[in-house]
Amino acid sequence: MSAATRAARAAAAVAVLGSLPYWLPPAVVRLRVRIFARVNGEEGVPVPGPEVGTAAFERLYAHPAANGRSRGAALSDLFWYWLAPGPEVHQEHLEPGPRYEAVARTTRRALTAVRRQEWDRIVRRRAYDVLEPLTGGGTRVVRLRDLAMPLWAAAYHEVVFREPCPDEVRDLIVGNADDVVSALKCTGVRHMDRRDRLTRYLLGRIRAGDVPFELPEGLSDHERACYLQGTFFNTAVVQMSEATAHVLLAIATRPEVRERLRREPADSAYLDHVIEETLRYYPLFGVAHRITTDAITIDSGDPHATTPVTKLPAGSVLLFDYARYHRTGVPDADRFDPDRWARPRQPDLHHVPFGVAANRPCPARGIAPMTLRTAVEEVLKRFEPVSSARHDRSMPNRGPCLLVPRENSTRLQGTAVRLVAMRVRDRWEDVTRSLAQLAYGSWMVADARGQRLCGTYFDAVASGVTTPGPATAGHDAAARCPVTGEGGR
């Protein structure tokens, strides 16, 4: 082999290796989607999609018969697996009926019992606890989701128990929430021991009479503990942490947005517009599924549609894709533009960040934007966030970011090299992370399919068992991931 041939092959190998961060992660994601479909089964009607277009998205979502939540969908086994313990009493996964009404009523009362001024005070105080130790020490490198999660863990503990959160309990809540969101993003497997520790803590507080509001009637103490864990310390903590990270990363990766916020700190409306646009561009919900409890006939609303009317039989699994819906309607929907919210709203702008009012919208929709703004304000008062990391809706990288102190007059000097290093590291982490997600995700889908937590629970209901055991009972014997040895207990 000639020297020229060897040099050409070496150059080709270097080129392939150097290009890995650009082509391998997307290829692995596509492979993971195919494996998930193969293992978990093909089911569902994507909305928007070939059968139901964007014009019918909100009408179908609001249809009274699009109200089934878990029963009858194989996909529910996977969501129950990820959200355990207690998915059978999780507000988002309860079937319509008295049990759901009791749970939803309790959540509304708990959230609205705290006045808006008190919410603001709680969030500012908890933000101080998290951020103050970072001040005075120069530029910090953080993962934004990790930064935000202790804040929201302590805040929601204070909302639920009306008392400050001890550090060790905050760590319990963060460990639980991080384990849930890592499993959902397939960056790790479930660790039920971490989750069970929080369940036991909540059960002890319930039995001691420490919850200052009436818990849902008709539930056992264990179910009530799982309700608190799922609603406040899984969903609320995870979603608010993700929202905070998304807003800060959207600012950190867009110099024009960052500069305007720095130049016009008194322009509170602009920050509201940035938050609104972030929730549109990076919706917190990916795909929400509903099961039709009766046949639905829906007009497409599109005069040019090849199928102007779609008939969906009872038992259809509707997959409402928020991200796809938000990126349709207006010509520049793919552009991040906070100023669109300063103009009269375009009628075709698709934006349902907290769901559709007629079909289980987020119970914190009246509180979340205000408290999110408070948390972001507290960060921006102290730091200027700067990042070169990739930013997508899933954000499996947890939002790498530099926090540059505001009081430093030369604060952005010297960040260029650190941003280049961050970008390189983030791209290469994408390679290893995508492979890990493929391994973790494939195994969890297969394990969830085998355990059938949702299916087994409703089989018991159908057989006449009026109070089935917890749908998470099988986790005591949960297998470990054969690739990493993680999981189980």
Foldseek 3Di string as FASTA:
>chain_A
DDPVVVVVVVVVVVVVVVCCLPPVLVVLVVVLVVLLCVQLHDAFDEVVDQQAHLVCQQVVLLDPQLAQAAPLHSVNLLVPQLLDDQPCLALRRDGDDDSNVLLLVQVLCLQVVQPQVRLLVLLLVLLCVLCVVVPPPFKDKDQQLVSQLLSLLQSLVCSFQVDGDDPVLSVLLSQQQVQSLCLVLLLDHHAVVSVVVQLVVLLVCVVVVRGPDDFGPPDDSSSSSSHCCNQRSHVVSNLLSLLLLQLQLVQQADVVNLVVCVVCVVPLVLSLLSSQLSCLQQASDAKGKTFGQAKDKTANPDPPRPPRIHIDGGGHIHIYGSNVSQQDQDPVSNDRDSCCVVDPPDPRRDGDRQGHPSHDGNSCVVPSSSSSSSSNVSLVVFFRKHALADDHNSPSVSRTIMTFGPVDPCRCPPCPVVRVVRHVVRSVVSNVSSVSSSQSVSVSSNQSSVLVLVPVQVVCVVVPPVDDDTSCPVLQVRAARPVPRDGRD
